[in-house]
């Protein structure tokens, strides 16, 4: 049986995987789309890719934390993931 901490880490990993898939799809769409927004969209996607990698690093760092520090790190990572989610939604709006 998984602990709450393991469940939370699994949920964060799932969100990161989903963000990675969405990011890959957006990059493909951006390459296929040749218009005046392409440069702006590419910059936004590159920034999102950096945020995605940062979130992965934060998650890896969490696994070695004590419980008190882990709770704080969880809040920080979830807030960061919410920011990525918001930025992905903005990027998606360029393709509608």
PDB file of N, CA and C in Angstrom:
ATOM      1  N   UNK A   1       0.841  -1.182   0.000  1.00  0.00           N
ATOM      2  CA  UNK A   1       0.000   0.000   0.000  1.00  0.00           C
ATOM      3  C   UNK A   1       0.886   1.245   0.000  1.00  0.00           C
ATOM      4  N   UNK A   2       0.478   2.221  -0.782  1.00  0.00           N
ATOM      5  CA  UNK A   2       1.266   3.444  -0.904  1.00  0.00           C
ATOM      6  C   UNK A   2       0.998   4.388   0.263  1.00  0.00           C
ATOM      7  N   UNK A   3       2.033   5.073   0.683  1.00  0.00           N
ATOM      8  CA  UNK A   3       1.867   6.110   1.699  1.00  0.00           C
ATOM      9  C   UNK A   3       1.294   7.352   1.029  1.00  0.00           C
ATOM     10  N   UNK A   4       0.812   8.288   1.843  1.00  0.00           N
ATOM     11  CA  UNK A   4       0.295   9.548   1.294  1.00  0.00           C
ATOM     12  C   UNK A   4       1.376  10.270   0.493  1.00  0.00           C
ATOM     13  N   UNK A   5       2.577  10.220   1.002  1.00  0.00           N
ATOM     14  CA  UNK A   5       3.695  10.877   0.332  1.00  0.00           C
ATOM     15  C   UNK A   5       3.943  10.243  -1.042  1.00  0.00           C
ATOM     16  N   UNK A   6       3.908   8.927  -1.121  1.00  0.00           N
ATOM     17  CA  UNK A   6       4.102   8.233  -2.394  1.00  0.00           C
ATOM     18  C   UNK A   6       2.965   8.534  -3.370  1.00  0.00           C
ATOM     19  N   UNK A   7       1.745   8.605  -2.845  1.00  0.00           N
ATOM     20  CA  UNK A   7       0.597   8.940  -3.690  1.00  0.00           C
ATOM     21  C   UNK A   7       0.742  10.337  -4.267  1.00  0.00           C
ATOM     22  N   UNK A   8       1.147  11.277  -3.423  1.00  0.00           N
ATOM     23  CA  UNK A   8       1.318  12.655  -3.866  1.00  0.00           C
ATOM     24  C   UNK A   8       2.406  12.747  -4.927  1.00  0.00           C
ATOM     25  N   UNK A   9       3.516  12.058  -4.691  1.00  0.00           N
ATOM     26  CA  UNK A   9       4.591  12.063  -5.682  1.00  0.00           C
ATOM     27  C   UNK A   9       4.119  11.451  -6.994  1.00  0.00           C
ATOM     28  N   UNK A  10       3.333  10.402  -6.930  1.00  0.00           N
ATOM     29  CA  UNK A  10       2.804   9.769  -8.138  1.00  0.00           C
ATOM     30  C   UNK A  10       1.871  10.731  -8.880  1.00  0.00           C
ATOM     31  N   UNK A  11       1.060  11.483  -8.154  1.00  0.00           N
ATOM     32  CA  UNK A  11       0.166  12.461  -8.774  1.00  0.00           C
ATOM     33  C   UNK A  11       0.962  13.568  -9.455  1.00  0.00           C
ATOM     34  N   UNK A  12       2.006  14.033  -8.790  1.00  0.00           N
ATOM     35  CA  UNK A  12       2.852  15.075  -9.374  1.00  0.00           C
ATOM     36  C   UNK A  12       3.532  14.547 -10.636  1.00  0.00           C
ATOM     37  N   UNK A  13       4.042  13.319 -10.572  1.00  0.00           N
ATOM     38  CA  UNK A  13       4.672  12.708 -11.739  1.00  0.00           C
ATOM     39  C   UNK A  13       3.686  12.574 -12.891  1.00  0.00           C
ATOM     40  N   UNK A  14       2.452  12.226 -12.585  1.00  0.00           N
ATOM     41  CA  UNK A  14       1.420  12.102 -13.625  1.00  0.00           C
ATOM     42  C   UNK A  14       1.148  13.462 -14.270  1.00  0.00           C
ATOM     43  N   UNK A  15       1.065  14.501 -13.451  1.00  0.00           N
ATOM     44  CA  UNK A  15       0.858  15.854 -14.002  1.00  0.00           C
ATOM     45  C   UNK A  15       2.028  16.237 -14.901  1.00  0.00           C
ATOM     46  N   UNK A  16       3.234  15.931 -14.462  1.00  0.00           N
ATOM     47  CA  UNK A  16       4.409  16.257 -15.266  1.00  0.00           C
ATOM     48  C   UNK A  16       4.405  15.514 -16.598  1.00  0.00           C
ATOM     49  N   UNK A  17       4.009  14.246 -16.572  1.00  0.00           N
ATOM     50  CA  UNK A  17       3.918  13.476 -17.819  1.00  0.00           C
ATOM     51  C   UNK A  17       2.894  14.103 -18.757  1.00  0.00           C
ATOM     52  N   UNK A  18       1.744  14.476 -18.213  1.00  0.00           N
ATOM     53  CA  UNK A  18       0.702  15.086 -19.034  1.00  0.00           C
ATOM     54  C   UNK A  18       1.181  16.413 -19.614  1.00  0.00           C
ATOM     55  N   UNK A  19       1.848  17.212 -18.787  1.00  0.00           N
ATOM     56  CA  UNK A  19       2.379  18.482 -19.279  1.00  0.00           C
ATOM     57  C   UNK A  19       3.395  18.233 -20.390  1.00  0.00           C
ATOM     58  N   UNK A  20       4.226  17.213 -20.223  1.00  0.00           N
ATOM     59  CA  UNK A  20       5.219  16.877 -21.236  1.00  0.00           C
ATOM     60  C   UNK A  20       4.569  16.480 -22.549  1.00  0.00           C
ATOM     61  N   UNK A  21       3.500  15.701 -22.478  1.00  0.00           N
ATOM     62  CA  UNK A  21       2.780  15.294 -23.686  1.00  0.00           C
ATOM     63  C   UNK A  21       2.155  16.504 -24.373  1.00  0.00           C
ATOM     64  N   UNK A  22       1.533  17.360 -23.593  1.00  0.00           N
ATOM     65  CA  UNK A  22       0.912  18.560 -24.157  1.00  0.00           C
ATOM     66  C   UNK A  22       1.960  19.453 -24.788  1.00  0.00           C
ATOM     67  N   UNK A  23       3.072  19.604 -24.119  1.00  0.00           N
ATOM     68  CA  UNK A  23       4.162  20.425 -24.640  1.00  0.00           C
ATOM     69  C   UNK A  23       4.676  19.868 -25.969  1.00  0.00           C
ATOM     70  N   UNK A  24       4.829  18.564 -26.053  1.00  0.00           N
ATOM     71  CA  UNK A  24       5.274  17.928 -27.304  1.00  0.00           C
ATOM     72  C   UNK A  24       4.265  18.171 -28.420  1.00  0.00           C
ATOM     73  N   UNK A  25       2.994  18.038 -28.116  1.00  0.00           N
ATOM     74  CA  UNK A  25       1.944  18.273 -29.112  1.00  0.00           C
ATOM     75  C   UNK A  25       1.970  19.719 -29.589  1.00  0.00           C
ATOM     76  N   UNK A  26       2.163  20.645 -28.663  1.00  0.00           N
ATOM     77  CA  UNK A  26       2.205  22.061 -29.036  1.00  0.00           C
ATOM     78  C   UNK A  26       3.416  22.369 -29.911  1.00  0.00           C
ATOM     79  N   UNK A  27       4.531  21.749 -29.630  1.00  0.00           N
ATOM     80  CA  UNK A  27       5.723  21.974 -30.452  1.00  0.00           C
ATOM     81  C   UNK A  27       5.491  21.493 -31.878  1.00  0.00           C
ATOM     82  N   UNK A  28       4.839  20.344 -32.015  1.00  0.00           N
ATOM     83  CA  UNK A  28       4.538  19.814 -33.348  1.00  0.00           C
ATOM     84  C   UNK A  28       3.607  20.772 -34.080  1.00  0.00           C
ATOM     85  N   UNK A  29       2.569  21.233 -33.384  1.00  0.00           N
ATOM     86  CA  UNK A  29       1.635  22.172 -34.002  1.00  0.00           C
ATOM     87  C   UNK A  29       2.330  23.470 -34.390  1.00  0.00           C
ATOM     88  N   UNK A  30       3.235  23.950 -33.549  1.00  0.00           N
ATOM     89  CA  UNK A  30       3.951  25.184 -33.841  1.00  0.00           C
ATOM     90  C   UNK A  30       4.837  25.026 -35.077  1.00  0.00           C
ATOM     91  N   UNK A  31       5.457  23.875 -35.228  1.00  0.00           N
ATOM     92  CA  UNK A  31       6.300  23.624 -36.399  1.00  0.00           C
ATOM     93  C   UNK A  31       5.458  23.559 -37.675  1.00  0.00           C
ATOM     94  N   UNK A  32       4.265  23.007 -37.552  1.00  0.00           N
ATOM     95  CA  UNK A  32       3.387  22.877 -38.714  1.00  0.00           C
ATOM     96  C   UNK A  32       2.780  24.221 -39.105  1.00  0.00           C
ATOM     97  N   UNK A  33       2.684  25.090 -38.154  1.00  0.00           N
ATOM     98  CA  UNK A  33       2.010  26.371 -38.360  1.00  0.00           C
ATOM     99  C   UNK A  33       3.054  27.436 -38.644  1.00  0.00           C
ATOM    100  N   UNK A  34       2.987  28.016 -39.795  1.00  0.00           N
ATOM    101  CA  UNK A  34       3.948  29.051 -40.175  1.00  0.00           C
ATOM    102  C   UNK A  34       3.197  30.385 -40.308  1.00  0.00           C
ATOM    103  N   UNK A  35       3.142  31.130 -39.214  1.00  0.00           N
ATOM    104  CA  UNK A  35       2.471  32.423 -39.277  1.00  0.00           C
ATOM    105  C   UNK A  35       3.198  33.422 -38.394  1.00  0.00           C
ATOM    106  N   UNK A  36       2.638  34.593 -38.260  1.00  0.00           N
ATOM    107  CA  UNK A  36       3.307  35.680 -37.545  1.00  0.00           C
ATOM    108  C   UNK A  36       3.493  35.388 -36.055  1.00  0.00           C
ATOM    109  N   UNK A  37       2.739  34.452 -35.483  1.00  0.00           N
ATOM    110  CA  UNK A  37       2.857  34.149 -34.061  1.00  0.00           C
ATOM    111  C   UNK A  37       3.915  33.082 -33.777  1.00  0.00           C
ATOM    112  N   UNK A  38       4.468  32.487 -34.823  1.00  0.00           N
ATOM    113  CA  UNK A  38       5.363  31.352 -34.648  1.00  0.00           C
ATOM    114  C   UNK A  38       6.541  31.671 -33.725  1.00  0.00           C
ATOM    115  N   UNK A  39       7.173  32.813 -33.891  1.00  0.00           N
ATOM    116  CA  UNK A  39       8.308  33.187 -33.043  1.00  0.00           C
ATOM    117  C   UNK A  39       7.911  33.343 -31.590  1.00  0.00           C
ATOM    118  N   UNK A  40       6.783  33.993 -31.350  1.00  0.00           N
ATOM    119  CA  UNK A  40       6.288  34.180 -29.985  1.00  0.00           C
ATOM    120  C   UNK A  40       5.919  32.849 -29.356  1.00  0.00           C
ATOM    121  N   UNK A  41       5.271  32.005 -30.117  1.00  0.00           N
ATOM    122  CA  UNK A  41       4.851  30.700 -29.606  1.00  0.00           C
ATOM    123  C   UNK A  41       6.080  29.851 -29.296  1.00  0.00           C
ATOM    124  N   UNK A  42       7.085  29.882 -30.169  1.00  0.00           N
ATOM    125  CA  UNK A  42       8.305  29.118 -29.930  1.00  0.00           C
ATOM    126  C   UNK A  42       8.983  29.577 -28.641  1.00  0.00           C
ATOM    127  N   UNK A  43       9.057  30.876 -28.425  1.00  0.00           N
ATOM    128  CA  UNK A  43       9.649  31.392 -27.186  1.00  0.00           C
ATOM    129  C   UNK A  43       8.862  30.913 -25.969  1.00  0.00           C
ATOM    130  N   UNK A  44       7.544  30.966 -26.063  1.00  0.00           N
ATOM    131  CA  UNK A  44       6.698  30.524 -24.951  1.00  0.00           C
ATOM    132  C   UNK A  44       6.896  29.033 -24.688  1.00  0.00           C
ATOM    133  N   UNK A  45       6.989  28.240 -25.744  1.00  0.00           N
ATOM    134  CA  UNK A  45       7.165  26.795 -25.584  1.00  0.00           C
ATOM    135  C   UNK A  45       8.553  26.470 -25.025  1.00  0.00           C
ATOM    136  N   UNK A  46       9.559  27.213 -25.463  1.00  0.00           N
ATOM    137  CA  UNK A  46      10.899  27.014 -24.910  1.00  0.00           C
ATOM    138  C   UNK A  46      10.915  27.335 -23.420  1.00  0.00           C
ATOM    139  N   UNK A  47      10.235  28.402 -23.028  1.00  0.00           N
ATOM    140  CA  UNK A  47      10.150  28.767 -21.611  1.00  0.00           C
ATOM    141  C   UNK A  47       9.417  27.684 -20.825  1.00  0.00           C
ATOM    142  N   UNK A  48       8.342  27.165 -21.398  1.00  0.00           N
ATOM    143  CA  UNK A  48       7.588  26.082 -20.752  1.00  0.00           C
ATOM    144  C   UNK A  48       8.434  24.825 -20.604  1.00  0.00           C
ATOM    145  N   UNK A  49       9.250  24.547 -21.594  1.00  0.00           N
ATOM    146  CA  UNK A  49      10.124  23.384 -21.504  1.00  0.00           C
ATOM    147  C   UNK A  49      11.110  23.544 -20.340  1.00  0.00           C
ATOM    148  N   UNK A  50      11.616  24.756 -20.155  1.00  0.00           N
ATOM    149  CA  UNK A  50      12.500  25.031 -19.032  1.00  0.00           C
ATOM    150  C   UNK A  50      11.784  24.867 -17.702  1.00  0.00           C
ATOM    151  N   UNK A  51      10.546  25.353 -17.630  1.00  0.00           N
ATOM    152  CA  UNK A  51       9.753  25.201 -16.408  1.00  0.00           C
ATOM    153  C   UNK A  51       9.483  23.729 -16.124  1.00  0.00           C
ATOM    154  N   UNK A  52       9.208  22.974 -17.160  1.00  0.00           N
ATOM    155  CA  UNK A  52       8.926  21.546 -17.016  1.00  0.00           C
ATOM    156  C   UNK A  52      10.139  20.835 -16.435  1.00  0.00           C
ATOM    157  N   UNK A  53      11.318  21.151 -16.947  1.00  0.00           N
ATOM    158  CA  UNK A  53      12.547  20.530 -16.429  1.00  0.00           C
ATOM    159  C   UNK A  53      12.794  20.955 -14.982  1.00  0.00           C
ATOM    160  N   UNK A  54      12.541  22.208 -14.679  1.00  0.00           N
ATOM    161  CA  UNK A  54      12.700  22.697 -13.295  1.00  0.00           C
ATOM    162  C   UNK A  54      11.763  21.944 -12.352  1.00  0.00           C
ATOM    163  N   UNK A  55      10.542  21.701 -12.787  1.00  0.00           N
ATOM    164  CA  UNK A  55       9.591  20.954 -11.960  1.00  0.00           C
ATOM    165  C   UNK A  55      10.095  19.531 -11.715  1.00  0.00           C
ATOM    166  N   UNK A  56      10.664  18.911 -12.737  1.00  0.00           N
ATOM    167  CA  UNK A  56      11.251  17.570 -12.571  1.00  0.00           C
ATOM    168  C   UNK A  56      12.374  17.601 -11.533  1.00  0.00           C
ATOM    169  N   UNK A  57      13.211  18.602 -11.603  1.00  0.00           N
ATOM    170  CA  UNK A  57      14.320  18.714 -10.648  1.00  0.00           C
ATOM    171  C   UNK A  57      13.796  18.909  -9.226  1.00  0.00           C
ATOM    172  N   UNK A  58      12.777  19.729  -9.089  1.00  0.00           N
ATOM    173  CA  UNK A  58      12.195  19.956  -7.763  1.00  0.00           C
ATOM    174  C   UNK A  58      11.597  18.668  -7.205  1.00  0.00           C
ATOM    175  N   UNK A  59      10.947  17.908  -8.062  1.00  0.00           N
ATOM    176  CA  UNK A  59      10.365  16.642  -7.617  1.00  0.00           C
ATOM    177  C   UNK A  59      11.456  15.668  -7.176  1.00  0.00           C
ATOM    178  N   UNK A  60      12.522  15.574  -7.956  1.00  0.00           N
ATOM    179  CA  UNK A  60      13.631  14.701  -7.575  1.00  0.00           C
ATOM    180  C   UNK A  60      14.214  15.111  -6.225  1.00  0.00           C
ATOM    181  N   UNK A  61      14.337  16.413  -6.005  1.00  0.00           N
ATOM    182  CA  UNK A  61      14.894  16.902  -4.741  1.00  0.00           C
ATOM    183  C   UNK A  61      13.966  16.582  -3.567  1.00  0.00           C
ATOM    184  N   UNK A  62      12.680  16.542  -3.814  1.00  0.00           N
ATOM    185  CA  UNK A  62      11.701  16.270  -2.752  1.00  0.00           C
ATOM    186  C   UNK A  62      11.883  14.892  -2.133  1.00  0.00           C
ATOM    187  N   UNK A  63      12.279  13.927  -2.934  1.00  0.00           N
ATOM    188  CA  UNK A  63      12.318  12.545  -2.454  1.00  0.00           C
ATOM    189  C   UNK A  63      13.300  12.352  -1.292  1.00  0.00           C
ATOM    190  N   UNK A  64      14.268  13.226  -1.159  1.00  0.00           N
ATOM    191  CA  UNK A  64      15.254  13.068  -0.087  1.00  0.00           C
ATOM    192  C   UNK A  64      14.974  13.959   1.121  1.00  0.00           C
ATOM    193  N   UNK A  65      13.867  14.661   1.114  1.00  0.00           N
ATOM    194  CA  UNK A  65      13.563  15.584   2.206  1.00  0.00           C
ATOM    195  C   UNK A  65      12.897  14.892   3.387  1.00  0.00           C
ATOM    196  N   UNK A  66      13.122  15.445   4.565  1.00  0.00           N
ATOM    197  CA  UNK A  66      12.417  14.991   5.764  1.00  0.00           C
ATOM    198  C   UNK A  66      10.954  15.419   5.649  1.00  0.00           C
ATOM    199  N   UNK A  67      10.086  14.794   6.425  1.00  0.00           N
ATOM    200  CA  UNK A  67       8.644  15.051   6.317  1.00  0.00           C
ATOM    201  C   UNK A  67       8.273  16.521   6.477  1.00  0.00           C
ATOM    202  N   UNK A  68       8.879  17.212   7.440  1.00  0.00           N
ATOM    203  CA  UNK A  68       8.538  18.630   7.646  1.00  0.00           C
ATOM    204  C   UNK A  68       8.890  19.459   6.416  1.00  0.00           C
ATOM    205  N   UNK A  69      10.063  19.242   5.866  1.00  0.00           N
ATOM    206  CA  UNK A  69      10.490  19.978   4.682  1.00  0.00           C
ATOM    207  C   UNK A  69       9.728  19.524   3.444  1.00  0.00           C
ATOM    208  N   UNK A  70       9.357  18.245   3.426  1.00  0.00           N
ATOM    209  CA  UNK A  70       8.666  17.698   2.271  1.00  0.00           C
ATOM    210  C   UNK A  70       7.319  18.383   2.069  1.00  0.00           C
ATOM    211  N   UNK A  71       6.615  18.630   3.138  1.00  0.00           N
ATOM    212  CA  UNK A  71       5.301  19.269   3.046  1.00  0.00           C
ATOM    213  C   UNK A  71       5.417  20.660   2.421  1.00  0.00           C
ATOM    214  N   UNK A  72       6.408  21.400   2.842  1.00  0.00           N
ATOM    215  CA  UNK A  72       6.637  22.731   2.277  1.00  0.00           C
ATOM    216  C   UNK A  72       7.014  22.635   0.800  1.00  0.00           C
ATOM    217  N   UNK A  73       7.869  21.678   0.469  1.00  0.00           N
ATOM    218  CA  UNK A  73       8.289  21.482  -0.920  1.00  0.00           C
ATOM    219  C   UNK A  73       7.103  21.053  -1.791  1.00  0.00           C
ATOM    220  N   UNK A  74       6.218  20.242  -1.216  1.00  0.00           N
ATOM    221  CA  UNK A  74       5.025  19.817  -1.958  1.00  0.00           C
ATOM    222  C   UNK A  74       4.185  21.027  -2.346  1.00  0.00           C
ATOM    223  N   UNK A  75       3.969  21.920  -1.409  1.00  0.00           N
ATOM    224  CA  UNK A  75       3.203  23.140  -1.679  1.00  0.00           C
ATOM    225  C   UNK A  75       3.882  23.951  -2.778  1.00  0.00           C
ATOM    226  N   UNK A  76       5.201  24.084  -2.684  1.00  0.00           N
ATOM    227  CA  UNK A  76       5.971  24.835  -3.668  1.00  0.00           C
ATOM    228  C   UNK A  76       5.860  24.205  -5.052  1.00  0.00           C
ATOM    229  N   UNK A  77       6.025  22.891  -5.140  1.00  0.00           N
ATOM    230  CA  UNK A  77       5.963  22.204  -6.433  1.00  0.00           C
ATOM    231  C   UNK A  77       4.555  22.290  -7.021  1.00  0.00           C
ATOM    232  N   UNK A  78       3.538  22.124  -6.196  1.00  0.00           N
ATOM    233  CA  UNK A  78       2.164  22.219  -6.708  1.00  0.00           C
ATOM    234  C   UNK A  78       1.858  23.622  -7.228  1.00  0.00           C
ATOM    235  N   UNK A  79       2.346  24.626  -6.558  1.00  0.00           N
ATOM    236  CA  UNK A  79       2.167  26.008  -7.012  1.00  0.00           C
ATOM    237  C   UNK A  79       2.884  26.191  -8.355  1.00  0.00           C
ATOM    238  N   UNK A  80       4.080  25.657  -8.452  1.00  0.00           N
ATOM    239  CA  UNK A  80       4.846  25.737  -9.694  1.00  0.00           C
ATOM    240  C   UNK A  80       4.123  25.007 -10.826  1.00  0.00           C
ATOM    241  N   UNK A  81       3.561  23.844 -10.527  1.00  0.00           N
ATOM    242  CA  UNK A  81       2.807  23.094 -11.540  1.00  0.00           C
ATOM    243  C   UNK A  81       1.561  23.853 -11.976  1.00  0.00           C
ATOM    244  N   UNK A  82       0.918  24.537 -11.061  1.00  0.00           N
ATOM    245  CA  UNK A  82      -0.243  25.351 -11.420  1.00  0.00           C
ATOM    246  C   UNK A  82       0.163  26.469 -12.382  1.00  0.00           C
ATOM    247  N   UNK A  83       1.347  27.049 -12.155  1.00  0.00           N
ATOM    248  CA  UNK A  83       1.851  28.082 -13.064  1.00  0.00           C
ATOM    249  C   UNK A  83       2.111  27.500 -14.452  1.00  0.00           C
ATOM    250  N   UNK A  84       2.709  26.318 -14.501  1.00  0.00           N
ATOM    251  CA  UNK A  84       2.955  25.656 -15.780  1.00  0.00           C
ATOM    252  C   UNK A  84       1.635  25.377 -16.485  1.00  0.00           C
ATOM    253  N   UNK A  85       0.652  24.892 -15.733  1.00  0.00           N
ATOM    254  CA  UNK A  85      -0.667  24.601 -16.292  1.00  0.00           C
ATOM    255  C   UNK A  85      -1.267  25.863 -16.912  1.00  0.00           C
ATOM    256  N   UNK A  86      -1.184  26.950 -16.203  1.00  0.00           N
ATOM    257  CA  UNK A  86      -1.709  28.218 -16.702  1.00  0.00           C
ATOM    258  C   UNK A  86      -0.980  28.647 -17.977  1.00  0.00           C
ATOM    259  N   UNK A  87       0.339  28.528 -17.982  1.00  0.00           N
ATOM    260  CA  UNK A  87       1.113  28.906 -19.163  1.00  0.00           C
ATOM    261  C   UNK A  87       0.825  27.980 -20.349  1.00  0.00           C
ATOM    262  N   UNK A  88       0.614  26.701 -20.084  1.00  0.00           N
ATOM    263  CA  UNK A  88       0.248  25.769 -21.157  1.00  0.00           C
ATOM    264  C   UNK A  88      -1.107  26.138 -21.759  1.00  0.00           C
ATOM    265  N   UNK A  89      -2.021  26.515 -20.898  1.00  0.00           N
ATOM    266  CA  UNK A  89      -3.356  26.918 -21.403  1.00  0.00           C
ATOM    267  C   UNK A  89      -3.256  28.156 -22.282  1.00  0.00           C
ATOM    268  N   UNK A  90      -2.411  29.094 -21.901  1.00  0.00           N
ATOM    269  CA  UNK A  90      -2.199  30.296 -22.738  1.00  0.00           C
ATOM    270  C   UNK A  90      -1.615  29.899 -24.082  1.00  0.00           C
ATOM    271  N   UNK A  91      -0.623  29.007 -24.060  1.00  0.00           N
ATOM    272  CA  UNK A  91      -0.008  28.544 -25.302  1.00  0.00           C
ATOM    273  C   UNK A  91      -1.037  27.824 -26.176  1.00  0.00           C
ATOM    274  N   UNK A  92      -1.867  27.002 -25.550  1.00  0.00           N
ATOM    275  CA  UNK A  92      -2.905  26.287 -26.299  1.00  0.00           C
ATOM    276  C   UNK A  92      -3.865  27.248 -26.995  1.00  0.00           C
ATOM    277  N   UNK A  93      -4.119  28.396 -26.382  1.00  0.00           N
ATOM    278  CA  UNK A  93      -5.065  29.355 -26.951  1.00  0.00           C
ATOM    279  C   UNK A  93      -4.590  29.898 -28.298  1.00  0.00           C
ATOM    280  N   UNK A  94      -3.301  29.828 -28.573  1.00  0.00           N
ATOM    281  CA  UNK A  94      -2.764  30.284 -29.863  1.00  0.00           C
ATOM    282  C   UNK A  94      -3.136  29.344 -31.002  1.00  0.00           C
ATOM    283  N   UNK A  95      -3.608  28.154 -30.661  1.00  0.00           N
ATOM    284  CA  UNK A  95      -3.903  27.164 -31.682  1.00  0.00           C
ATOM    285  C   UNK A  95      -5.391  26.928 -31.860  1.00  0.00           C
ATOM    286  N   UNK A  96      -6.210  27.767 -31.301  1.00  0.00           N
ATOM    287  CA  UNK A  96      -7.669  27.592 -31.447  1.00  0.00           C
ATOM    288  C   UNK A  96      -8.211  28.499 -32.512  1.00  0.00           C
TER     289      UNK A  96
END
